[in-house]
Amino acid sequence: MSDNVNKMIGEIFNDMADILEGRSTGKKVRVGITTFGSEHGVENVVKGAEMAQKSDKTVEVILIGPKVDSSLIQEAVKDEEEGYKKMEELLDSGKIDCAVTMHYSFPVGVSTVGRTVSPGTGKEIFIATTTGTSSSHRVEAMIKNGILGIIAAKSMGIEDPKVGILNVDGANQVERALERLNSNGYKINFAESMRADGGCIMRGNDLLTGSADVIVTDTLTGNILSKLFSSFTTGGSYESLGYGYGPSIGEGYDRKILIISRASGAPVVKNAILYGKNIIDGEIRKKQEEEFSRANNAGLKEILKDVTKDTKKEDKNEYEEVQAPSKEVVTGSIAGIDIMELENAVKVLWKNGVYAESGMGCTGPILMVNEEKLPKAVNILSKEGYISRESNIQC
């Protein structure tokens, strides 16, 4: 009897033992991984793949790349381009359940949700998003990214993930849109910042402590964060921590592709493969369909239309001729206005007879007005859609 037959029989008996002892359902998740392109060589990727299969007997890894000395299943290809084609062929034919790769061009509307570990507490967090483009419009993209992050977290078994919005350009507009979606029936569990002033707008401290399960941001910022979290202990050349840049998610999108970096080391390769196995077990495409259905029923498309259309408050010429009222002492401040809308918000108040100045507080942009005129200013800004609640008042 050949060694290969003996090996196959041994694996069959091991699988049967796992099933009888409750360690396995008997069904393996097949994860393909392309091995060309790594800055650390093909061997680095193969090592990570072998580590993944060894650590979880319910995953079966298929190497897509040059022929190597490994016990893993292999699909030999001659170069990186052929590797991508083979990966797509295996995905579309159902021969693999998902794939891990170092580069892929997703259509607009599809992004990936990274998964990493907060260095302050060791808590896992999802960064939404890290590659791809949910929309060419920044705020629309971030609103969608919030939903993508929820989908990824739920596929990992987090039933009610806490959602925080990173304090970047557009964050306050995103907050207002998600609050509106929440009010319409798409329930969102907003995170609370660890900083004294609280709120769901996350600062750098919150990233380090993991104040939220899902961090909503734009893709470029998310990509940078993933690189920092994964390689800050190695000096940057070798990504050793976390689970990579995550699975592709987008309304109606079917291919399950997870991204790693060309700088990803074997530990990240291993974790990315297991992340892929986890999202398959968690039925990520079913979660995607359910969440977008619920969000659309809560008016998502109308909300996105409102943030992308050319409104008067976004027209830079609308308030060019507005003259400032007489200058007053301004010791009251209003936070929560997006920096891209700050100057127009000042002129809206001027137009309504309220003297205001723009400034920058410790949590972001602010408008400063006379304390006696705070209620009037808040009422005007709320009606014009610049702020969403009176808790933005600061004195």
Protein backbone atom coordinates (compact mmCIF):
# COMPACT_ATOMS: atom_id res chain seq x y z
CA MET A 1 0.00 0.00 0.00
CA SER A 2 1.46 3.42 -0.99
CA ASP A 3 2.37 6.12 1.50
CA ASN A 4 -0.29 8.44 0.00
CA VAL A 5 -3.04 5.86 0.56
CA ASN A 6 -1.87 5.30 4.12
CA LYS A 7 -1.92 9.06 4.66
CA MET A 8 -5.46 9.36 3.25
CA ILE A 9 -6.73 6.55 5.47
CA GLY A 10 -5.10 8.16 8.48
CA GLU A 11 -6.74 11.50 7.72
CA ILE A 12 -10.15 9.83 7.33
CA PHE A 13 -9.86 8.16 10.74
CA ASN A 14 -8.70 11.44 12.31
CA ASP A 15 -11.69 13.26 10.83
CA MET A 16 -14.04 10.56 12.12
CA ALA A 17 -12.52 10.90 15.59
CA ASP A 18 -13.02 14.69 15.47
CA ILE A 19 -16.69 14.27 14.56
CA LEU A 20 -17.33 11.70 17.32
CA GLU A 21 -15.65 13.93 19.91
CA GLY A 22 -17.54 17.04 18.78
CA ARG A 23 -14.51 18.84 17.38
CA SER A 24 -15.79 18.98 13.81
CA THR A 25 -18.98 18.93 11.77
CA GLY A 26 -17.21 16.89 9.10
CA LYS A 27 -17.47 19.71 6.56
CA LYS A 28 -14.31 21.62 5.78
CA VAL A 29 -14.17 25.22 4.58
CA ARG A 30 -11.94 25.42 1.52
CA VAL A 31 -9.80 28.56 1.43
CA GLY A 32 -7.62 29.34 -1.56
CA ILE A 33 -4.57 31.58 -1.21
CA THR A 34 -2.36 33.07 -3.92
CA THR A 35 1.32 32.79 -3.05
CA PHE A 36 2.96 35.01 -5.69
CA GLY A 37 3.74 38.64 -4.82
CA SER A 38 4.77 38.57 -1.15
CA GLU A 39 7.69 40.84 -0.23
CA HIS A 40 8.80 38.06 2.12
CA GLY A 41 8.72 35.33 -0.51
CA VAL A 42 6.45 32.44 -1.41
CA GLU A 43 7.78 30.44 1.54
CA ASN A 44 6.37 33.00 3.97
CA VAL A 45 2.85 32.59 2.54
CA VAL A 46 3.11 28.81 2.47
CA LYS A 47 4.26 28.78 6.10
CA GLY A 48 1.24 30.86 7.16
CA ALA A 49 -1.08 28.59 5.18
CA GLU A 50 0.36 25.48 6.81
CA MET A 51 0.00 27.09 10.24
CA ALA A 52 -3.67 27.82 9.54
CA GLN A 53 -4.54 24.29 8.43
CA LYS A 54 -2.63 22.78 11.34
CA SER A 55 -4.43 24.97 13.89
CA ASP A 56 -7.95 24.25 12.59
CA LYS A 57 -8.85 20.86 11.13
CA THR A 58 -12.10 22.25 9.71
CA VAL A 59 -10.22 24.39 7.19
CA GLU A 60 -8.64 23.09 3.99
CA VAL A 61 -6.11 25.41 2.35
CA ILE A 62 -5.42 25.36 -1.39
CA LEU A 63 -2.19 27.00 -2.53
CA ILE A 64 -2.39 28.91 -5.83
CA GLY A 65 1.12 29.58 -7.08
CA PRO A 66 4.38 27.88 -8.02
CA LYS A 67 4.84 24.25 -7.10
CA VAL A 68 6.38 23.99 -3.62
CA ASP A 69 7.34 21.32 -1.13
CA SER A 70 4.17 21.21 0.98
CA SER A 71 1.51 18.72 1.99
CA LEU A 72 -1.21 21.26 1.22
CA ILE A 73 -3.36 20.93 -1.91
CA GLN A 74 -1.80 22.91 -4.75
CA GLU A 75 -3.01 24.58 -7.94
CA ALA A 76 0.19 25.29 -9.85
CA VAL A 77 0.34 28.48 -11.96
CA LYS A 78 3.26 30.13 -13.72
CA ASP A 79 2.86 33.75 -12.54
CA GLU A 80 0.80 36.21 -10.50
CA GLU A 81 -1.62 37.07 -13.31
CA GLU A 82 -2.43 33.42 -13.94
CA GLY A 83 -2.83 32.99 -10.20
CA TYR A 84 -5.62 35.58 -10.07
CA LYS A 85 -7.40 33.92 -12.97
CA LYS A 86 -7.15 30.53 -11.30
CA MET A 87 -8.42 32.01 -8.03
CA GLU A 88 -11.49 33.46 -9.77
CA GLU A 89 -12.09 30.19 -11.59
CA LEU A 90 -12.01 28.21 -8.33
CA LEU A 91 -14.30 30.73 -6.61
CA ASP A 92 -16.86 30.89 -9.40
CA SER A 93 -16.96 27.11 -9.78
CA GLY A 94 -17.45 26.61 -6.03
CA LYS A 95 -14.25 24.59 -5.67
CA ILE A 96 -13.15 26.97 -2.93
CA ASP A 97 -15.44 28.83 -0.49
CA CYS A 98 -13.32 31.97 -0.28
CA ALA A 99 -9.87 33.22 -1.25
CA VAL A 100 -7.05 35.21 0.34
CA THR A 101 -4.89 37.33 -1.92
CA MET A 102 -2.50 40.31 -1.85
CA HIS A 103 -4.21 42.47 -4.44
CA TYR A 104 -7.58 42.58 -6.15
CA SER A 105 -9.52 45.21 -8.10
CA PHE A 106 -13.02 45.40 -6.65
CA PRO A 107 -15.86 47.26 -8.39
CA VAL A 108 -16.99 50.58 -6.89
CA GLY A 109 -19.42 49.75 -4.10
CA VAL A 110 -17.31 46.93 -2.66
CA SER A 111 -14.84 47.32 0.22
CA THR A 112 -13.08 45.09 2.72
CA VAL A 113 -13.42 45.17 6.50
CA GLY A 114 -10.16 44.66 8.35
CA ARG A 115 -9.86 42.93 11.70
CA THR A 116 -7.13 43.76 14.16
CA VAL A 117 -6.27 43.87 17.86
CA SER A 118 -6.28 47.06 19.95
CA PRO A 119 -2.87 47.31 21.61
CA GLY A 120 -4.20 48.83 24.86
CA THR A 121 -6.63 46.06 25.80
CA GLY A 122 -6.06 43.22 23.34
CA LYS A 123 -9.66 43.54 22.16
CA GLU A 124 -10.42 42.70 18.53
CA ILE A 125 -11.85 45.53 16.43
CA PHE A 126 -13.15 45.78 12.87
CA ILE A 127 -11.89 48.62 10.69
CA ALA A 128 -14.51 49.60 8.12
CA THR A 129 -13.02 49.81 5.60
CA THR A 130 -9.43 49.07 4.50
CA THR A 131 -9.38 48.41 0.72
CA GLY A 132 -11.82 48.96 -2.13
CA THR A 133 -14.20 51.89 -2.62
CA SER A 134 -17.75 51.91 -1.28
CA SER A 135 -18.51 55.14 -3.16
CA SER A 136 -16.67 57.94 -4.94
CA HIS A 137 -18.44 60.34 -2.53
CA ARG A 138 -16.58 60.39 0.80
CA VAL A 139 -19.52 60.72 3.18
CA GLU A 140 -21.69 58.25 1.26
CA ALA A 141 -18.81 55.77 1.34
CA MET A 142 -18.41 56.09 5.11
CA ILE A 143 -22.13 55.61 5.72
CA LYS A 144 -22.00 52.41 3.68
CA ASN A 145 -18.80 51.42 5.47
CA GLY A 146 -20.70 51.50 8.74
CA ILE A 147 -23.11 48.88 7.42
CA LEU A 148 -20.24 46.80 6.01
CA GLY A 149 -18.56 46.81 9.41
CA ILE A 150 -21.76 45.63 11.09
CA ILE A 151 -22.05 42.81 8.53
CA ALA A 152 -18.48 41.65 9.17
CA ALA A 153 -18.90 41.78 12.95
CA LYS A 154 -22.18 39.87 12.83
CA SER A 155 -20.65 37.20 10.61
CA MET A 156 -18.10 36.73 13.39
CA GLY A 157 -20.84 36.15 15.95
CA ILE A 158 -21.10 39.64 17.46
CA GLU A 159 -24.86 40.07 17.46
CA ASP A 160 -25.04 43.74 18.47
CA PRO A 161 -21.68 45.35 17.62
CA LYS A 162 -20.84 48.77 19.05
CA VAL A 163 -20.24 51.22 16.20
CA GLY A 164 -17.94 54.24 16.46
CA ILE A 165 -17.02 56.81 13.80
CA LEU A 166 -13.38 57.88 13.53
CA ASN A 167 -12.87 61.62 13.90
CA VAL A 168 -11.92 62.34 10.28
CA ASP A 169 -13.35 64.73 7.68
CA GLY A 170 -17.03 63.94 7.18
CA ALA A 171 -17.49 62.18 10.54
CA ASN A 172 -20.25 64.44 11.79
CA GLN A 173 -22.23 64.12 8.58
CA VAL A 174 -21.86 60.35 8.83
CA GLU A 175 -23.05 60.45 12.44
CA ARG A 176 -26.17 62.40 11.49
CA ALA A 177 -26.93 60.00 8.64
CA LEU A 178 -26.48 56.89 10.80
CA GLU A 179 -28.61 58.43 13.57
CA ARG A 180 -31.32 59.06 10.99
CA LEU A 181 -31.05 55.46 9.79
CA ASN A 182 -31.27 54.31 13.40
CA SER A 183 -34.37 56.44 14.01
CA ASN A 184 -35.98 54.96 10.90
CA GLY A 185 -35.71 51.44 12.30
CA TYR A 186 -32.25 50.15 11.35
CA LYS A 187 -31.00 49.80 14.90
CA ILE A 188 -27.37 50.74 15.47
CA ASN A 189 -25.61 50.26 18.79
CA PHE A 190 -23.51 53.42 18.93
CA ALA A 191 -20.25 53.17 20.86
CA GLU A 192 -19.25 55.67 23.53
CA SER A 193 -15.83 57.31 23.48
CA MET A 194 -13.62 56.72 26.51
CA ARG A 195 -12.90 60.47 26.60
CA ALA A 196 -14.77 62.62 29.12
CA ASP A 197 -17.07 64.22 26.55
CA GLY A 198 -18.19 60.80 25.26
CA GLY A 199 -20.17 60.44 22.05
CA CYS A 200 -19.72 58.03 19.17
CA ILE A 201 -16.99 60.05 17.45
CA MET A 202 -13.82 58.08 18.15
CA ARG A 203 -10.42 59.64 18.81
CA GLY A 204 -7.00 57.98 18.69
CA ASN A 205 -7.33 56.92 22.32
CA ASP A 206 -10.42 54.90 21.44
CA LEU A 207 -8.55 52.99 18.75
CA LEU A 208 -5.90 51.97 21.26
CA THR A 209 -8.42 50.84 23.87
CA GLY A 210 -11.01 49.32 21.53
CA SER A 211 -13.92 51.51 22.62
CA ALA A 212 -15.94 50.27 19.64
CA ASP A 213 -16.29 46.90 17.92
CA VAL A 214 -16.56 48.62 14.53
CA ILE A 215 -14.53 51.71 13.61
CA VAL A 216 -16.10 53.54 10.66
CA THR A 217 -13.67 55.51 8.52
CA ASP A 218 -12.73 56.22 4.93
CA THR A 219 -10.84 53.45 3.15
CA LEU A 220 -7.48 55.22 2.83
CA THR A 221 -7.38 56.02 6.54
CA GLY A 222 -8.52 52.48 7.36
CA ASN A 223 -5.74 51.07 5.21
CA ILE A 224 -3.15 53.12 7.07
CA LEU A 225 -4.57 52.07 10.43
CA SER A 226 -4.38 48.41 9.46
CA LYS A 227 -0.74 48.79 8.48
CA LEU A 228 0.10 50.60 11.72
CA PHE A 229 -1.67 48.08 13.95
CA SER A 230 -0.16 45.09 12.17
CA SER A 231 3.46 46.22 12.03
CA PHE A 232 4.08 48.71 14.86
CA THR A 233 6.10 46.11 16.82
CA THR A 234 8.36 45.23 13.88
CA GLY A 235 9.34 48.64 12.54
CA GLY A 236 7.01 48.48 9.57
CA SER A 237 8.62 46.04 7.17
CA TYR A 238 6.84 42.93 8.45
CA GLU A 239 3.15 42.76 9.36
CA SER A 240 2.94 40.35 12.29
CA LEU A 241 -0.35 41.16 14.06
CA GLY A 242 -4.01 41.03 13.20
CA TYR A 243 -6.10 39.32 10.54
CA GLY A 244 -5.34 41.36 7.45
CA TYR A 245 -7.57 43.71 5.47
CA GLY A 246 -10.59 41.47 5.54
CA PRO A 247 -13.37 40.18 3.30
CA SER A 248 -14.99 41.97 0.36
CA ILE A 249 -18.51 43.19 1.14
CA GLY A 250 -20.95 45.17 -0.99
CA GLU A 251 -24.64 45.11 -1.80
CA GLY A 252 -25.25 42.27 -4.29
CA TYR A 253 -21.57 41.26 -4.45
CA ASP A 254 -20.89 37.53 -4.30
CA ARG A 255 -17.16 36.81 -4.53
CA LYS A 256 -15.69 36.20 -1.08
CA ILE A 257 -12.15 37.54 -1.31
CA LEU A 258 -10.00 38.53 1.65
CA ILE A 259 -7.03 40.85 1.30
CA ILE A 260 -3.60 40.69 2.91
CA SER A 261 -0.61 42.93 2.25
CA ARG A 262 2.54 42.09 0.34
CA ALA A 263 4.23 42.91 3.66
CA SER A 264 2.07 40.47 5.65
CA GLY A 265 4.08 37.92 7.59
CA ALA A 266 3.17 34.28 8.19
CA PRO A 267 1.13 35.01 11.38
CA VAL A 268 -1.13 37.44 9.48
CA VAL A 269 -1.43 35.00 6.56
CA LYS A 270 -2.55 32.33 9.01
CA ASN A 271 -5.06 34.65 10.70
CA ALA A 272 -6.45 35.90 7.37
CA ILE A 273 -7.15 32.31 6.28
CA LEU A 274 -8.93 31.62 9.58
CA TYR A 275 -10.85 34.91 9.24
CA GLY A 276 -12.01 33.62 5.86
CA LYS A 277 -13.07 30.32 7.41
CA ASN A 278 -14.96 32.20 10.15
CA ILE A 279 -16.95 34.44 7.80
CA ILE A 280 -17.99 31.41 5.75
CA ASP A 281 -19.18 29.65 8.91
CA GLY A 282 -20.95 32.90 9.87
CA GLU A 283 -22.76 33.02 6.50
CA ILE A 284 -21.47 36.46 5.59
CA ARG A 285 -23.38 36.67 2.32
CA LYS A 286 -26.63 35.90 4.13
CA LYS A 287 -25.78 38.60 6.69
CA GLN A 288 -24.98 41.00 3.84
CA GLU A 289 -28.37 40.42 2.22
CA GLU A 290 -30.24 40.76 5.53
CA GLU A 291 -28.48 43.94 6.66
CA PHE A 292 -28.84 45.77 3.36
CA SER A 293 -32.50 44.75 3.19
CA ARG A 294 -33.12 46.15 6.67
CA ALA A 295 -31.13 49.32 5.93
CA ASN A 296 -32.95 49.93 2.63
CA ASN A 297 -36.29 49.45 4.41
CA ALA A 298 -35.14 52.16 6.83
CA GLY A 299 -34.53 54.62 4.00
CA LEU A 300 -30.83 54.10 3.29
CA LYS A 301 -31.06 55.05 -0.37
CA GLU A 302 -32.96 58.26 0.41
CA ILE A 303 -30.40 59.19 3.08
CA LEU A 304 -27.53 58.58 0.66
CA LYS A 305 -29.29 60.65 -1.98
CA ASP A 306 -29.62 63.52 0.49
CA VAL A 307 -25.92 63.54 1.39
CA THR A 308 -24.74 63.41 -2.22
CA LYS A 309 -27.06 65.90 -3.86
CA ASP A 310 -26.09 69.55 -4.33
CA THR A 311 -27.93 71.31 -1.53
CA LYS A 312 -27.86 75.01 -0.87
CA LYS A 313 -25.69 74.64 2.20
CA GLU A 314 -23.05 72.90 0.07
CA ASP A 315 -23.02 75.60 -2.60
CA LYS A 316 -19.92 77.73 -1.92
CA ASN A 317 -21.45 80.71 -3.76
CA GLU A 318 -24.65 80.69 -1.69
CA TYR A 319 -23.25 82.83 1.11
CA GLU A 320 -20.41 84.70 -0.58
CA GLU A 321 -22.12 88.10 -0.24
CA VAL A 322 -23.31 87.65 3.35
CA GLN A 323 -21.95 90.34 5.66
CA ALA A 324 -21.02 89.60 9.26
CA PRO A 325 -23.20 91.23 11.96
CA SER A 326 -21.56 93.45 14.55
CA LYS A 327 -18.79 91.62 16.36
CA GLU A 328 -19.64 90.20 19.79
CA VAL A 329 -17.86 88.38 22.60
CA VAL A 330 -18.05 84.68 21.68
CA THR A 331 -17.54 82.36 24.65
CA GLY A 332 -20.18 79.75 23.82
CA SER A 333 -19.33 77.05 21.32
CA ILE A 334 -21.17 74.48 19.20
CA ALA A 335 -19.44 71.25 18.22
CA GLY A 336 -20.49 68.49 15.85
CA ILE A 337 -20.24 70.45 12.59
CA ASP A 338 -18.19 68.82 9.88
CA ILE A 339 -15.05 70.74 8.96
CA MET A 340 -16.06 70.74 5.29
CA GLU A 341 -19.26 72.60 6.21
CA LEU A 342 -17.84 74.91 8.88
CA GLU A 343 -17.49 78.15 6.90
CA ASN A 344 -20.93 77.83 5.33
CA ALA A 345 -22.38 77.22 8.79
CA VAL A 346 -20.79 80.48 9.99
CA LYS A 347 -22.41 82.38 7.12
CA VAL A 348 -25.79 80.76 7.75
CA LEU A 349 -25.71 82.26 11.24
CA TRP A 350 -24.56 85.63 9.89
CA LYS A 351 -27.44 85.60 7.43
CA ASN A 352 -29.80 85.08 10.35
CA GLY A 353 -28.31 87.91 12.41
CA VAL A 354 -26.11 85.85 14.72
CA TYR A 355 -22.44 86.76 14.88
CA ALA A 356 -20.25 83.64 14.81
CA GLU A 357 -16.64 82.62 14.36
CA SER A 358 -15.14 79.29 13.39
CA GLY A 359 -12.54 77.55 15.52
CA MET A 360 -11.00 74.22 16.42
CA GLY A 361 -11.65 72.53 19.75
CA CYS A 362 -9.90 69.51 21.21
CA THR A 363 -12.45 67.18 19.59
CA GLY A 364 -12.69 68.92 16.24
CA PRO A 365 -14.18 72.00 14.55
CA ILE A 366 -16.47 74.33 16.52
CA LEU A 367 -18.57 77.45 15.99
CA MET A 368 -18.25 80.18 18.62
CA VAL A 369 -21.15 82.50 19.39
CA ASN A 370 -22.31 84.75 22.21
CA GLU A 371 -23.57 82.54 25.07
CA GLU A 372 -26.93 84.33 25.16
CA LYS A 373 -27.48 83.45 21.50
CA LEU A 374 -26.59 79.76 21.80
CA PRO A 375 -30.22 78.51 21.75
CA LYS A 376 -31.02 80.59 18.66
CA ALA A 377 -27.84 79.49 16.88
CA VAL A 378 -28.48 75.83 17.65
CA ASN A 379 -32.05 76.10 16.38
CA ILE A 380 -30.86 77.66 13.09
CA LEU A 381 -28.10 75.12 12.53
CA SER A 382 -30.41 72.23 13.37
CA LYS A 383 -33.03 73.39 10.88
CA GLU A 384 -30.37 73.80 8.19
CA GLY A 385 -29.03 70.29 8.82
CA TYR A 386 -25.60 71.19 10.21
CA ILE A 387 -26.12 69.58 13.61
CA SER A 388 -28.47 66.91 14.90
CA ARG A 389 -28.88 67.51 18.62
CA GLU A 390 -28.48 70.15 21.34
CA SER A 391 -25.86 68.10 23.22
CA ASN A 392 -23.37 69.79 20.89
CA ILE A 393 -23.60 72.97 22.98
CA GLN A 394 -20.46 73.80 24.96
CA CYS A 395 -19.79 76.82 27.17
